[in-house]
């Protein structure tokens, strides 16, 4: 696994990563309410290696972009919109 560059320092990267994971879980929860799942499928909510990598990639990308953008909303709001946009792009 590649080591992030931490363009805004480790503390910033760490906070961003936490919020990216929160946003991914939030978006997953929204999507799950639209799908019928059996009990066993609902219990198995652990992440996959792909999801771990996605969280890291999105964190690195957000941190790189955040160096140049002033924050006008909470960190979670900024990241939630960013993650939703990135997921939408991947789906197309």
C-alpha atoms as a PDB file:
ATOM      1  CA  UNK A   1       0.000   0.000   0.000  1.00  0.00           C
ATOM      2  CA  UNK A   2       1.311   3.431  -0.901  1.00  0.00           C
ATOM      3  CA  UNK A   3       2.084   5.841   1.909  1.00  0.00           C
ATOM      4  CA  UNK A   4       0.107   9.099   1.555  1.00  0.00           C
ATOM      5  CA  UNK A   5       2.036  12.301   1.012  1.00  0.00           C
ATOM      6  CA  UNK A   6       0.048  14.178   3.710  1.00  0.00           C
ATOM      7  CA  UNK A   7       0.043  17.500   1.784  1.00  0.00           C
ATOM      8  CA  UNK A   8      -1.674  19.235   4.726  1.00  0.00           C
ATOM      9  CA  UNK A   9       0.019  17.237   7.491  1.00  0.00           C
ATOM     10  CA  UNK A  10      -0.918  13.948   9.123  1.00  0.00           C
ATOM     11  CA  UNK A  11      -3.556  15.418  11.459  1.00  0.00           C
ATOM     12  CA  UNK A  12      -5.477  16.877   8.531  1.00  0.00           C
ATOM     13  CA  UNK A  13      -5.187  13.625   6.548  1.00  0.00           C
ATOM     14  CA  UNK A  14      -6.327  11.611   9.566  1.00  0.00           C
ATOM     15  CA  UNK A  15      -9.414  13.791  10.111  1.00  0.00           C
ATOM     16  CA  UNK A  16     -10.237  13.679   6.413  1.00  0.00           C
ATOM     17  CA  UNK A  17      -9.864   9.893   6.281  1.00  0.00           C
ATOM     18  CA  UNK A  18     -12.222   9.488   9.232  1.00  0.00           C
ATOM     19  CA  UNK A  19     -14.818  11.710   7.562  1.00  0.00           C
ATOM     20  CA  UNK A  20     -14.406   9.949   4.189  1.00  0.00           C
ATOM     21  CA  UNK A  21     -15.125   6.616   5.877  1.00  0.00           C
ATOM     22  CA  UNK A  22     -18.124   8.169   7.661  1.00  0.00           C
ATOM     23  CA  UNK A  23     -19.419   9.503   4.329  1.00  0.00           C
ATOM     24  CA  UNK A  24     -18.929   6.143   2.602  1.00  0.00           C
ATOM     25  CA  UNK A  25     -20.838   4.396   5.413  1.00  0.00           C
ATOM     26  CA  UNK A  26     -23.580   7.023   5.312  1.00  0.00           C
ATOM     27  CA  UNK A  27     -23.981   6.668   1.558  1.00  0.00           C
ATOM     28  CA  UNK A  28     -23.923   2.875   1.870  1.00  0.00           C
ATOM     29  CA  UNK A  29     -26.689   3.058   4.478  1.00  0.00           C
ATOM     30  CA  UNK A  30     -28.791   5.220   2.173  1.00  0.00           C
ATOM     31  CA  UNK A  31     -28.298   2.771  -0.687  1.00  0.00           C
ATOM     32  CA  UNK A  32     -29.069  -0.262   1.487  1.00  0.00           C
ATOM     33  CA  UNK A  33     -32.483   1.110   2.409  1.00  0.00           C
ATOM     34  CA  UNK A  34     -33.386   0.922  -1.284  1.00  0.00           C
ATOM     35  CA  UNK A  35     -32.405  -2.744  -1.601  1.00  0.00           C
ATOM     36  CA  UNK A  36     -34.029  -5.810  -0.121  1.00  0.00           C
ATOM     37  CA  UNK A  37     -31.519  -7.918   1.809  1.00  0.00           C
ATOM     38  CA  UNK A  38     -31.814 -11.020   3.892  1.00  0.00           C
ATOM     39  CA  UNK A  39     -30.689 -11.087   7.521  1.00  0.00           C
ATOM     40  CA  UNK A  40     -27.290 -12.663   6.781  1.00  0.00           C
ATOM     41  CA  UNK A  41     -26.522  -9.997   4.187  1.00  0.00           C
ATOM     42  CA  UNK A  42     -27.429  -7.233   6.641  1.00  0.00           C
ATOM     43  CA  UNK A  43     -25.112  -8.713   9.289  1.00  0.00           C
ATOM     44  CA  UNK A  44     -22.158  -8.817   6.887  1.00  0.00           C
ATOM     45  CA  UNK A  45     -21.311  -5.111   6.760  1.00  0.00           C
ATOM     46  CA  UNK A  46     -17.560  -5.466   6.926  1.00  0.00           C
ATOM     47  CA  UNK A  47     -15.488  -3.603   4.386  1.00  0.00           C
ATOM     48  CA  UNK A  48     -13.544  -5.171   1.569  1.00  0.00           C
ATOM     49  CA  UNK A  49     -10.009  -4.432   0.462  1.00  0.00           C
ATOM     50  CA  UNK A  50     -11.528  -2.455  -2.427  1.00  0.00           C
ATOM     51  CA  UNK A  51     -13.448  -0.275   0.011  1.00  0.00           C
ATOM     52  CA  UNK A  52     -10.324   0.305   2.121  1.00  0.00           C
ATOM     53  CA  UNK A  53      -8.448   1.376  -1.004  1.00  0.00           C
ATOM     54  CA  UNK A  54     -11.314   3.609  -2.124  1.00  0.00           C
ATOM     55  CA  UNK A  55     -11.330   5.372   1.257  1.00  0.00           C
ATOM     56  CA  UNK A  56      -7.577   5.971   1.057  1.00  0.00           C
ATOM     57  CA  UNK A  57      -7.736   7.167  -2.554  1.00  0.00           C
ATOM     58  CA  UNK A  58     -10.595   9.563  -1.827  1.00  0.00           C
ATOM     59  CA  UNK A  59      -8.809  10.864   1.268  1.00  0.00           C
ATOM     60  CA  UNK A  60      -5.628  11.544  -0.704  1.00  0.00           C
ATOM     61  CA  UNK A  61      -7.590  13.219  -3.507  1.00  0.00           C
ATOM     62  CA  UNK A  62      -9.606  15.410  -1.129  1.00  0.00           C
ATOM     63  CA  UNK A  63      -6.498  16.416   0.824  1.00  0.00           C
ATOM     64  CA  UNK A  64      -4.723  17.427  -2.381  1.00  0.00           C
ATOM     65  CA  UNK A  65      -7.684  19.525  -3.538  1.00  0.00           C
ATOM     66  CA  UNK A  66      -8.281  21.004  -0.049  1.00  0.00           C
ATOM     67  CA  UNK A  67      -4.934  22.780  -0.120  1.00  0.00           C
ATOM     68  CA  UNK A  68      -6.338  25.286  -2.588  1.00  0.00           C
ATOM     69  CA  UNK A  69      -9.974  25.588  -1.493  1.00  0.00           C
ATOM     70  CA  UNK A  70     -11.280  27.719   1.365  1.00  0.00           C
ATOM     71  CA  UNK A  71     -13.732  25.827   3.583  1.00  0.00           C
ATOM     72  CA  UNK A  72     -17.189  27.399   3.740  1.00  0.00           C
ATOM     73  CA  UNK A  73     -19.037  24.477   5.411  1.00  0.00           C
ATOM     74  CA  UNK A  74     -18.196  21.792   7.940  1.00  0.00           C
ATOM     75  CA  UNK A  75     -15.551  19.263   7.020  1.00  0.00           C
ATOM     76  CA  UNK A  76     -18.142  16.471   6.898  1.00  0.00           C
ATOM     77  CA  UNK A  77     -20.419  18.473   4.569  1.00  0.00           C
ATOM     78  CA  UNK A  78     -17.528  19.194   2.210  1.00  0.00           C
ATOM     79  CA  UNK A  79     -16.389  15.574   2.246  1.00  0.00           C
ATOM     80  CA  UNK A  80     -19.903  14.153   1.906  1.00  0.00           C
ATOM     81  CA  UNK A  81     -20.455  16.136  -1.303  1.00  0.00           C
ATOM     82  CA  UNK A  82     -16.981  15.247  -2.558  1.00  0.00           C
ATOM     83  CA  UNK A  83     -17.417  11.513  -1.892  1.00  0.00           C
ATOM     84  CA  UNK A  84     -20.922  11.457  -3.404  1.00  0.00           C
ATOM     85  CA  UNK A  85     -19.585  13.156  -6.538  1.00  0.00           C
ATOM     86  CA  UNK A  86     -16.652  10.764  -6.833  1.00  0.00           C
ATOM     87  CA  UNK A  87     -18.919   7.723  -6.383  1.00  0.00           C
ATOM     88  CA  UNK A  88     -21.330   9.072  -8.984  1.00  0.00           C
ATOM     89  CA  UNK A  89     -18.458   9.520 -11.455  1.00  0.00           C
ATOM     90  CA  UNK A  90     -17.257   5.960 -10.862  1.00  0.00           C
ATOM     91  CA  UNK A  91     -20.748   4.622 -11.518  1.00  0.00           C
ATOM     92  CA  UNK A  92     -20.953   6.254 -14.943  1.00  0.00           C
END
